[in-house]
């Protein structure tokens, strides 16, 4: 008595007798307002994008959740795109998240018909209708 019968060792003290796996209840998703407040409080910038999720480095998974992956580093899967974007901003840091917000240069204006003909002539090309 007083010994672990399988190994012949004394029993563990009560504090060390933890279950092998203890699951925590799922954390509810943050609202968009909560995410924006957290980003503001932490001095972070969420990085917008033209992607389907609306945020750079955030993609939709097959399960419909949102995965954050910045520069090839997996940052987690989240219930909402804004939560994933917050994790990306935290990973990038204050300066990095602000720097990642870049406005793409507008495309050059389309050439007029006269400019097309002048360019073709200058390059020795013949335009075929």
Foldseek 3Di string as FASTA:
>chain_A
DQADVVPRHGDDPPVPPDDPDDDDPDDDADDLVRLVVVCVVQLWDQAADPDPQRGPQWDADPVRWIWHADPNRTQDTGRHSSVSSSSNRVVLDNVRRVVNRDDDDDDDDDDDPVRVVVVCVVVVHDDDD
